[in-house]
Protein backbone atom coordinates (compact mmCIF):
# COMPACT_ATOMS: atom_id res chain seq x y z
CA MET A 1 -110.06 -63.76 157.93
CA SER A 2 -110.43 -67.56 156.38
CA ASP A 3 -109.18 -69.23 153.61
CA VAL A 4 -112.14 -71.31 151.44
CA ARG A 5 -110.80 -74.08 149.12
CA GLN A 6 -113.44 -75.79 146.72
CA LEU A 7 -112.69 -77.71 144.27
CA PRO A 8 -113.95 -81.23 142.65
CA VAL A 9 -113.13 -84.54 144.63
CA PRO A 10 -110.09 -85.91 142.64
CA ASP A 11 -110.63 -89.80 141.67
CA GLY A 12 -107.87 -90.68 143.83
CA LEU A 13 -109.34 -89.98 146.92
CA ASP A 14 -113.19 -92.05 145.85
CA GLY A 15 -114.41 -93.66 148.88
CA MET A 16 -111.15 -92.57 151.33
CA ARG A 17 -112.73 -90.71 154.70
CA VAL A 18 -112.88 -87.43 154.45
CA ASP A 19 -110.09 -86.89 157.31
CA ALA A 20 -107.94 -89.21 154.97
CA GLY A 21 -108.40 -88.26 151.77
CA LEU A 22 -108.31 -84.14 153.22
CA SER A 23 -105.34 -85.15 154.91
CA ARG A 24 -103.80 -86.30 151.87
CA LEU A 25 -105.07 -84.03 149.59
CA LEU A 26 -104.28 -80.47 151.69
CA GLY A 27 -100.88 -81.74 153.53
CA LEU A 28 -102.85 -81.32 156.80
CA SER A 29 -102.55 -84.03 160.10
CA ARG A 30 -105.75 -85.94 160.28
CA THR A 31 -106.46 -84.74 163.80
CA VAL A 32 -106.64 -81.15 162.18
CA VAL A 33 -109.17 -82.12 159.30
CA ALA A 34 -111.32 -84.16 161.99
CA THR A 35 -111.19 -81.02 164.11
CA LEU A 36 -112.58 -78.81 160.93
CA ALA A 37 -114.95 -81.25 160.33
CA GLU A 38 -116.42 -81.03 163.74
CA ASP A 39 -116.47 -77.57 163.32
CA GLY A 40 -118.49 -77.49 160.34
CA ARG A 41 -115.77 -76.07 158.12
CA VAL A 42 -116.10 -78.90 155.18
CA ALA A 43 -118.88 -79.61 153.15
CA VAL A 44 -119.47 -82.03 149.98
CA ASP A 45 -122.42 -81.03 147.24
CA GLY A 46 -123.31 -78.28 149.87
CA ARG A 47 -123.95 -80.50 153.08
CA PRO A 48 -121.53 -80.37 156.24
CA ALA A 49 -119.43 -83.58 156.20
CA GLY A 50 -118.48 -85.43 159.09
CA LYS A 51 -114.84 -86.86 159.49
CA SER A 52 -115.86 -90.51 158.84
CA ASP A 53 -117.94 -89.82 155.81
CA ARG A 54 -116.46 -91.39 152.67
CA LEU A 55 -115.45 -88.89 149.87
CA THR A 56 -117.46 -89.99 146.26
CA ALA A 57 -115.02 -88.53 143.06
CA GLY A 58 -116.21 -85.91 141.67
CA SER A 59 -118.26 -84.32 144.33
CA TRP A 60 -117.96 -80.59 145.05
CA LEU A 61 -115.72 -80.13 147.93
CA GLU A 62 -115.57 -77.21 150.34
CA VAL A 63 -112.95 -76.47 153.53
CA GLU A 64 -112.54 -73.25 155.33
CA LEU A 65 -109.20 -73.02 156.37
CA PRO A 66 -108.46 -70.67 159.10
CA GLU A 67 -105.85 -68.10 158.63
CA PRO A 68 -102.28 -69.64 159.37
CA ASP A 69 -100.08 -68.11 162.51
CA ALA A 70 -97.12 -66.53 161.68
CA PRO A 71 -94.25 -68.94 162.26
CA ALA A 72 -92.76 -68.86 165.36
CA GLN A 73 -89.07 -69.34 165.33
CA ILE A 74 -87.72 -72.51 166.62
CA ALA A 75 -84.64 -72.70 168.91
CA GLY A 76 -83.12 -75.69 170.58
CA PRO A 77 -80.86 -75.77 173.15
CA VAL A 78 -76.93 -74.64 172.24
CA GLU A 79 -75.10 -77.44 174.05
CA VAL A 80 -72.26 -79.56 173.95
CA VAL A 81 -73.94 -82.74 172.94
CA ALA A 82 -72.29 -85.72 174.76
CA GLY A 83 -70.83 -88.10 171.87
CA LEU A 84 -72.00 -86.18 169.19
CA GLY A 85 -68.20 -86.67 167.01
CA ILE A 86 -66.88 -85.42 163.91
CA LEU A 87 -65.55 -87.65 161.45
CA HIS A 88 -64.69 -85.25 159.22
CA GLU A 89 -64.92 -81.19 158.98
CA ASP A 90 -63.59 -78.77 155.83
CA ASP A 91 -64.78 -75.43 154.61
CA ASP A 92 -67.51 -76.69 152.73
CA ILE A 93 -68.75 -79.90 155.06
CA VAL A 94 -69.50 -81.28 158.50
CA VAL A 95 -70.07 -85.04 158.87
CA VAL A 96 -70.93 -86.25 162.23
CA ASP A 97 -71.15 -89.35 164.05
CA LYS A 98 -74.44 -88.81 165.30
CA PRO A 99 -75.16 -90.53 168.81
CA VAL A 100 -78.36 -91.81 170.33
CA GLY A 101 -81.41 -89.96 171.48
CA VAL A 102 -80.32 -86.78 169.52
CA ALA A 103 -81.99 -84.66 167.39
CA ALA A 104 -81.02 -83.48 163.80
CA HIS A 105 -82.85 -80.00 164.37
CA PRO A 106 -85.08 -78.56 166.52
CA SER A 107 -88.89 -78.99 165.99
CA PRO A 108 -92.05 -78.56 167.66
CA GLY A 109 -92.21 -80.78 171.13
CA TRP A 110 -88.77 -81.34 170.93
CA THR A 111 -86.56 -80.20 173.98
CA GLY A 112 -83.57 -82.39 173.74
CA PRO A 113 -79.79 -82.24 172.29
CA THR A 114 -79.50 -81.51 168.56
CA VAL A 115 -77.21 -81.67 166.05
CA ILE A 116 -77.51 -78.28 164.93
CA GLY A 117 -76.87 -77.28 168.77
CA GLY A 118 -74.29 -79.42 169.12
CA LEU A 119 -72.24 -78.22 166.46
CA THR A 120 -73.43 -74.30 167.02
CA ALA A 121 -71.84 -75.31 170.68
CA LEU A 122 -68.53 -76.65 169.38
CA GLY A 123 -67.63 -73.29 166.97
CA VAL A 124 -69.09 -74.71 164.23
CA ARG A 125 -70.72 -72.40 161.35
CA VAL A 126 -72.85 -74.39 159.13
CA SER A 127 -74.73 -72.69 156.12
CA THR A 128 -77.33 -70.32 156.35
CA SER A 129 -79.58 -71.71 153.93
CA GLY A 130 -83.25 -73.55 154.18
CA VAL A 131 -85.81 -73.05 157.47
CA ALA A 132 -84.10 -71.07 160.30
CA GLU A 133 -84.12 -74.31 162.48
CA ARG A 134 -82.76 -76.47 159.68
CA GLN A 135 -79.97 -74.45 158.39
CA GLY A 136 -77.34 -76.86 156.95
CA ILE A 137 -79.73 -79.87 156.86
CA VAL A 138 -79.59 -82.19 153.93
CA HIS A 139 -80.72 -84.98 155.20
CA ARG A 140 -81.75 -86.31 158.64
CA LEU A 141 -81.51 -89.51 160.97
CA ASP A 142 -84.31 -90.81 163.76
CA VAL A 143 -83.66 -89.35 167.24
CA GLY A 144 -82.96 -93.31 167.70
CA THR A 145 -81.00 -94.17 165.01
CA THR A 146 -76.83 -93.49 165.07
CA GLY A 147 -74.49 -92.94 162.63
CA ALA A 148 -72.74 -90.85 159.93
CA MET A 149 -74.68 -87.84 159.06
CA VAL A 150 -73.61 -84.66 156.65
CA VAL A 151 -74.51 -81.29 157.11
CA ALA A 152 -73.63 -78.43 155.00
CA LYS A 153 -71.22 -75.55 155.97
CA SER A 154 -71.22 -73.26 152.49
CA GLU A 155 -73.78 -71.95 150.72
CA HIS A 156 -72.35 -73.64 147.51
CA ALA A 157 -72.59 -76.94 149.37
CA TYR A 158 -76.09 -76.69 151.01
CA THR A 159 -77.88 -76.40 146.98
CA VAL A 160 -74.99 -79.36 145.97
CA LEU A 161 -75.99 -81.69 148.37
CA LYS A 162 -79.46 -81.09 149.07
CA ARG A 163 -79.65 -81.91 144.99
CA ALA A 164 -77.26 -84.86 145.16
CA PHE A 165 -79.98 -86.27 147.88
CA LYS A 166 -83.07 -85.58 145.86
CA GLU A 167 -81.64 -87.50 142.93
CA ARG A 168 -80.44 -90.22 144.95
CA ALA A 169 -76.93 -89.54 143.83
CA VAL A 170 -75.72 -90.47 147.93
CA SER A 171 -75.05 -93.82 149.00
CA LYS A 172 -76.96 -94.56 152.07
CA ARG A 173 -75.57 -98.09 153.59
CA TYR A 174 -76.56 -98.54 157.28
CA HIS A 175 -76.33 -101.84 158.93
CA ALA A 176 -79.18 -103.50 160.78
CA ILE A 177 -80.05 -106.42 163.00
CA VAL A 178 -83.14 -108.06 162.01
CA GLN A 179 -85.54 -110.48 164.10
CA GLY A 180 -85.44 -113.84 162.14
CA HIS A 181 -83.61 -114.58 158.55
CA PRO A 182 -85.05 -112.80 155.52
CA ASP A 183 -85.91 -115.09 152.50
CA PRO A 184 -84.08 -114.31 150.41
CA SER A 185 -81.40 -113.37 152.50
CA ARG A 186 -80.31 -111.02 149.83
CA GLY A 187 -83.03 -109.06 147.92
CA THR A 188 -85.09 -105.48 147.56
CA ILE A 189 -88.27 -104.78 149.04
CA ASP A 190 -90.10 -102.26 146.90
CA ALA A 191 -93.48 -101.30 148.66
CA PRO A 192 -94.80 -97.73 149.24
CA ILE A 193 -94.61 -95.73 152.51
CA ASP A 194 -97.00 -93.16 154.23
CA ARG A 195 -98.42 -92.25 157.14
CA HIS A 196 -100.11 -95.51 159.36
CA PRO A 197 -104.24 -95.15 159.22
CA ARG A 198 -104.64 -95.58 162.44
CA HIS A 199 -101.06 -93.93 164.60
CA ASP A 200 -100.06 -90.95 163.60
CA TYR A 201 -97.11 -90.65 165.31
CA LYS A 202 -96.24 -94.35 163.08
CA PHE A 203 -95.64 -95.07 159.38
CA ALA A 204 -96.60 -98.15 157.04
CA VAL A 205 -96.73 -99.78 153.97
CA VAL A 206 -100.07 -98.40 152.45
CA GLU A 207 -101.47 -98.28 148.94
CA GLY A 208 -100.89 -95.58 147.19
CA GLY A 209 -98.35 -94.23 149.56
CA ARG A 210 -94.87 -92.77 148.31
CA PRO A 211 -92.33 -95.21 146.65
CA SER A 212 -89.72 -96.54 148.59
CA VAL A 213 -87.00 -98.67 147.67
CA THR A 214 -85.09 -100.85 150.24
CA HIS A 215 -82.13 -103.44 149.02
CA TYR A 216 -80.31 -105.55 151.34
CA ASP A 217 -77.91 -108.40 151.59
CA THR A 218 -77.25 -110.53 155.20
CA ILE A 219 -73.71 -110.28 156.91
CA GLU A 220 -74.39 -113.14 159.28
CA ALA A 221 -77.13 -115.05 160.57
CA PHE A 222 -77.98 -115.98 164.30
CA ARG A 223 -79.98 -118.37 165.67
CA SER A 224 -83.03 -115.60 165.97
CA ALA A 225 -81.92 -112.95 164.33
CA SER A 226 -79.78 -111.61 161.11
CA LEU A 227 -77.28 -108.98 160.60
CA LEU A 228 -77.96 -107.07 157.53
CA ASP A 229 -76.57 -104.56 155.05
CA ILE A 230 -78.85 -101.86 153.98
CA SER A 231 -78.45 -99.48 150.76
CA LEU A 232 -81.38 -96.93 150.42
CA GLU A 233 -82.40 -96.17 146.81
CA THR A 234 -85.19 -93.42 148.13
CA GLY A 235 -85.02 -91.80 151.86
CA ARG A 236 -88.89 -92.21 153.36
CA THR A 237 -88.85 -91.17 157.16
CA HIS A 238 -88.30 -94.49 159.15
CA GLN A 239 -88.31 -96.58 155.87
CA ILE A 240 -86.23 -99.71 156.90
CA ARG A 241 -88.31 -100.35 160.78
CA VAL A 242 -91.39 -100.20 158.30
CA HIS A 243 -90.16 -102.48 155.34
CA PHE A 244 -88.37 -104.97 157.54
CA SER A 245 -91.65 -104.60 159.94
CA ALA A 246 -93.91 -105.29 157.02
CA LEU A 247 -92.16 -108.07 156.33
CA ARG A 248 -91.97 -109.50 159.93
CA HIS A 249 -88.64 -109.35 160.41
CA PRO A 250 -88.89 -105.76 162.43
CA CYS A 251 -85.70 -104.07 163.64
CA VAL A 252 -84.55 -106.02 166.96
CA GLY A 253 -85.21 -103.70 169.73
CA ASP A 254 -87.57 -101.82 167.55
CA LEU A 255 -90.85 -101.90 169.84
CA THR A 256 -92.82 -99.33 167.63
CA TYR A 257 -92.96 -101.59 165.32
CA GLY A 258 -93.54 -105.07 166.90
CA ALA A 259 -89.84 -106.11 167.36
CA ASP A 260 -90.03 -108.99 170.26
CA PRO A 261 -89.46 -107.29 173.87
CA THR A 262 -88.07 -110.46 175.08
CA LEU A 263 -85.58 -110.30 172.97
CA ALA A 264 -84.51 -106.96 173.14
CA LYS A 265 -84.28 -107.55 176.91
CA ARG A 266 -81.98 -109.62 176.38
CA LEU A 267 -79.54 -108.07 173.93
CA ARG A 268 -80.00 -105.07 176.73
CA LEU A 269 -81.26 -102.55 173.95
CA GLN A 270 -83.41 -99.60 174.55
CA ARG A 271 -83.94 -98.29 171.10
CA GLN A 272 -83.80 -100.56 167.38
CA TRP A 273 -80.58 -101.81 166.52
CA LEU A 274 -80.34 -99.53 163.54
CA HIS A 275 -76.94 -97.54 162.36
CA ALA A 276 -76.04 -95.57 159.74
CA HIS A 277 -72.58 -96.70 159.03
CA VAL A 278 -71.03 -95.59 155.61
CA LEU A 279 -71.83 -92.40 153.81
CA GLY A 280 -70.69 -92.06 150.44
CA PHE A 281 -71.04 -88.42 147.89
CA ASP A 282 -69.25 -86.47 145.56
CA HIS A 283 -67.61 -83.91 147.62
CA PRO A 284 -69.64 -80.46 146.70
CA ALA A 285 -66.02 -78.63 146.23
CA ASP A 286 -64.82 -80.89 143.57
CA GLY A 287 -66.96 -83.39 142.88
CA ARG A 288 -64.57 -86.27 143.51
CA TRP A 289 -66.22 -89.17 145.64
CA VAL A 290 -65.67 -89.37 149.53
CA GLU A 291 -66.89 -91.44 151.87
CA PHE A 292 -67.17 -91.62 155.90
CA VAL A 293 -67.88 -94.57 158.22
CA SER A 294 -69.18 -94.79 161.45
CA PRO A 295 -68.16 -97.28 163.98
CA TYR A 296 -71.04 -98.91 165.76
CA PRO A 297 -71.47 -97.80 169.14
CA GLU A 298 -71.23 -99.32 172.43
CA ASP A 299 -74.79 -100.64 172.81
CA LEU A 300 -75.03 -101.42 169.83
CA ALA A 301 -71.42 -103.35 169.82
CA GLN A 302 -72.28 -105.10 172.79
CA ALA A 303 -75.93 -106.25 171.57
CA LEU A 304 -74.12 -107.63 168.39
CA GLU A 305 -71.93 -109.75 170.96
CA ARG A 306 -74.40 -111.25 173.08
CA LEU A 307 -76.23 -112.60 169.74
CA GLN A 308 -72.85 -114.14 168.33
CA ASP A 309 -72.04 -115.65 171.95
């Protein structure tokens, strides 16, 4: 069985490549759309369309989608995670200090440690709300980003915190060391972010992307880099890394987004210098404002000391 979608090409996709436009329209990856086109499952005005053909607004689009497979349960390792600290725990929430190299939850292709697996190994029971592999997860940090992260333990906390993150009622402050000296030294980056047009594993500032706003202030300037205090108004994937890369001030050590490998080697960094330093929100139990601070992990602290020398 297959699902055939028939609809006119929206004005917003006029002039876009078939793979890029249908990826945005249908929520599929460009690779999947390209495969559908190669298999003859995409037609525009009754004629087969190639992945690199251009869309025209108002044209009649037909896409044959295969029947989705039954969802497979994604399970990750349940094991004590080295370096996973607990900053706070009560009946409703657990705030963890996430180390580098740890994902928030299991996902396809990831076989390493996770926050959820680590908490389970410690006997911490989390909320059962959410998709099976993401139960209790109300926000995430990248595998290569360390710092404070809250996980819901009660169903009530899950509902309240998910709404708070969605409504941007949470204070998320990061510290980052970026290359060079942003000008002005204090400001706001308001630039839309979406998938990179050529590399699916990256994101980029893209016209028509999702609104993304980052505020920053310089804490300390060094000869070749600056330590910044950053707060997020939105929470896009890789937002800080993408925004400062677009300004040509990538996070030090972030080779994926254009950082200088020579500087990273001198500072002995194996990942981006980016840390979720302070997390604040209204406690779901009684509404009081709470904040949790995560100190710099050893690799970032030592890199900072080398800059200060």
